[in-house]
Protein backbone atom coordinates (compact mmCIF):
# COMPACT_ATOMS: atom_id res chain seq x y z
CA MET A 1 0.00 0.00 0.00
CA ILE A 2 1.10 3.56 -0.68
CA ARG A 3 -0.34 6.92 0.36
CA THR A 4 -0.33 9.96 -1.85
CA VAL A 5 -0.37 13.47 -0.42
CA LEU A 6 -1.04 16.57 -2.49
CA ARG A 7 -0.73 19.99 -0.85
CA LEU A 8 -2.81 22.74 -2.45
CA ARG A 9 -2.91 26.47 -1.69
CA ALA A 10 -6.00 28.19 -3.07
CA VAL A 11 -6.29 31.86 -3.87
CA PRO A 12 -7.67 33.04 -0.49
CA ASP A 13 -11.07 34.13 -1.81
CA ARG A 14 -11.43 30.93 -3.87
CA ALA A 15 -10.97 28.30 -1.14
CA ASP A 16 -14.69 27.52 -1.03
CA GLN A 17 -14.62 27.06 -4.81
CA VAL A 18 -12.00 24.31 -4.36
CA VAL A 19 -14.41 22.44 -2.08
CA LYS A 20 -17.24 23.05 -4.54
CA LEU A 21 -15.16 21.73 -7.46
CA TYR A 22 -14.35 18.53 -5.56
CA ALA A 23 -18.03 18.07 -4.66
CA GLU A 24 -19.58 18.93 -8.02
CA HIS A 25 -17.20 16.74 -9.99
CA GLY A 26 -17.21 13.91 -7.45
CA ILE A 27 -13.43 13.83 -7.61
CA LEU A 28 -12.89 11.74 -4.48
CA ASP A 29 -15.73 9.35 -5.33
CA ARG A 30 -14.28 8.86 -8.79
CA ALA A 31 -10.81 8.24 -7.31
CA ARG A 32 -12.28 5.69 -4.88
CA ALA A 33 -13.94 3.88 -7.80
CA PHE A 34 -10.69 3.90 -9.79
CA GLY A 35 -8.88 0.57 -9.77
CA GLY A 36 -6.39 0.32 -6.93
CA CYS A 37 -7.68 3.24 -4.82
CA GLN A 38 -8.61 2.18 -1.30
CA ASP A 39 -9.81 5.58 -0.04
CA ALA A 40 -9.34 9.33 -0.55
CA TRP A 41 -9.81 12.48 1.52
CA LEU A 42 -9.84 16.25 1.14
CA LEU A 43 -8.60 18.02 4.28
CA ARG A 44 -8.65 21.75 4.95
CA GLU A 45 -6.22 23.60 7.22
CA THR A 46 -7.73 24.98 10.43
CA GLY A 47 -6.70 27.91 12.57
CA GLY A 48 -7.48 30.73 10.18
CA ASP A 49 -5.76 29.40 7.06
CA ASP A 50 -8.70 27.90 5.22
CA ALA A 51 -7.00 28.22 1.81
CA THR A 52 -4.57 25.34 2.35
CA PHE A 53 -5.70 21.80 1.58
CA LEU A 54 -4.25 18.31 1.64
CA VAL A 55 -5.59 15.65 -0.70
CA MET A 56 -4.68 12.19 0.57
CA ALA A 57 -5.37 8.79 -0.91
CA ASP A 58 -4.37 5.21 -0.24
CA TRP A 59 -3.51 3.04 -3.25
CA ASP A 60 -2.66 -0.62 -3.68
CA ALA A 61 0.48 0.22 -5.70
CA VAL A 62 2.40 3.11 -7.28
CA GLU A 63 1.26 1.90 -10.71
CA ASP A 64 -2.40 2.35 -9.71
CA TYR A 65 -1.75 5.95 -8.71
CA GLN A 66 0.22 6.59 -11.92
CA ARG A 67 -2.75 5.35 -13.96
CA TRP A 68 -4.99 7.77 -12.02
CA VAL A 69 -2.62 10.68 -12.69
CA ALA A 70 -2.57 9.80 -16.41
CA ASP A 71 -6.38 9.51 -16.67
CA PRO A 72 -7.71 12.14 -19.17
CA TRP A 73 -10.73 12.95 -16.97
CA ARG A 74 -8.43 13.72 -14.04
CA ALA A 75 -6.19 15.88 -16.24
CA ASP A 76 -9.22 17.95 -17.32
CA VAL A 77 -10.39 18.50 -13.73
CA SER A 78 -6.82 19.31 -12.65
CA ARG A 79 -6.73 22.16 -15.16
CA ARG A 80 -9.94 23.57 -13.64
CA LEU A 81 -8.45 23.21 -10.17
CA ALA A 82 -5.27 25.01 -11.23
CA ASP A 83 -7.36 28.13 -11.98
CA LEU A 84 -8.30 28.26 -8.27
CA LEU A 85 -4.77 27.85 -6.89
CA ASP A 86 -2.53 30.68 -5.74
CA PRO A 87 0.32 31.11 -8.24
CA GLU A 88 2.17 33.26 -5.69
CA ALA A 89 2.02 30.77 -2.81
CA ASP A 90 5.22 30.47 -0.78
CA GLU A 91 5.32 26.81 -1.64
CA PRO A 92 4.26 25.33 -4.98
CA THR A 93 1.69 22.59 -5.33
CA VAL A 94 3.52 19.56 -3.97
CA GLY A 95 2.62 15.92 -4.42
CA SER A 96 4.24 12.99 -2.66
CA VAL A 97 3.99 9.21 -2.95
CA LEU A 98 4.80 7.56 0.37
CA GLU A 99 5.11 3.98 1.54
CA LEU A 100 4.63 2.61 5.04
CA VAL A 101 7.92 1.95 6.80
CA PRO A 102 7.62 -0.61 9.63
CA THR A 103 9.78 0.44 12.59
CA GLY A 104 9.41 -2.39 15.07
CA PRO A 105 7.44 -5.44 16.12
CA SER A 106 4.31 -3.44 16.90
CA ALA A 107 4.42 -1.55 13.59
CA THR A 108 1.94 -2.52 10.93
CA SER A 109 3.61 -3.72 7.76
CA PRO A 110 1.99 -3.51 4.31
CA SER A 111 1.45 -7.29 4.39
CA ASP A 112 -0.29 -6.97 7.78
CA LEU A 113 -2.61 -4.36 6.28
CA GLU A 114 -3.47 -6.69 3.38
CA GLU A 115 -4.26 -9.53 5.79
CA GLN A 116 -6.61 -7.28 7.79
CA GLN A 117 -8.70 -6.45 4.71
């Protein structure tokens, strides 16, 4: 299993439009229905900075996520999303692909996660 994390910074007065775009296009539902996606979430920063979001998803394998990234529908929606993002943000839109690293006997390994499902 891998987890992907995408950090987004909306133009401050367009943060609600980011949420609306995700809802109207069913982006997370479509990701969840895409082969290899286990779950996906849109999280919004709290504490006064409501323009910063994290998009997180769990995938069976890197190849599943790469197929999602290459999907033409996703590319079209990503262009619409880009119009809502702050081009002058201190940090650019950043995406990461992470894998679970077991660190001891009590840590859950990827094979343990598969057995639990």
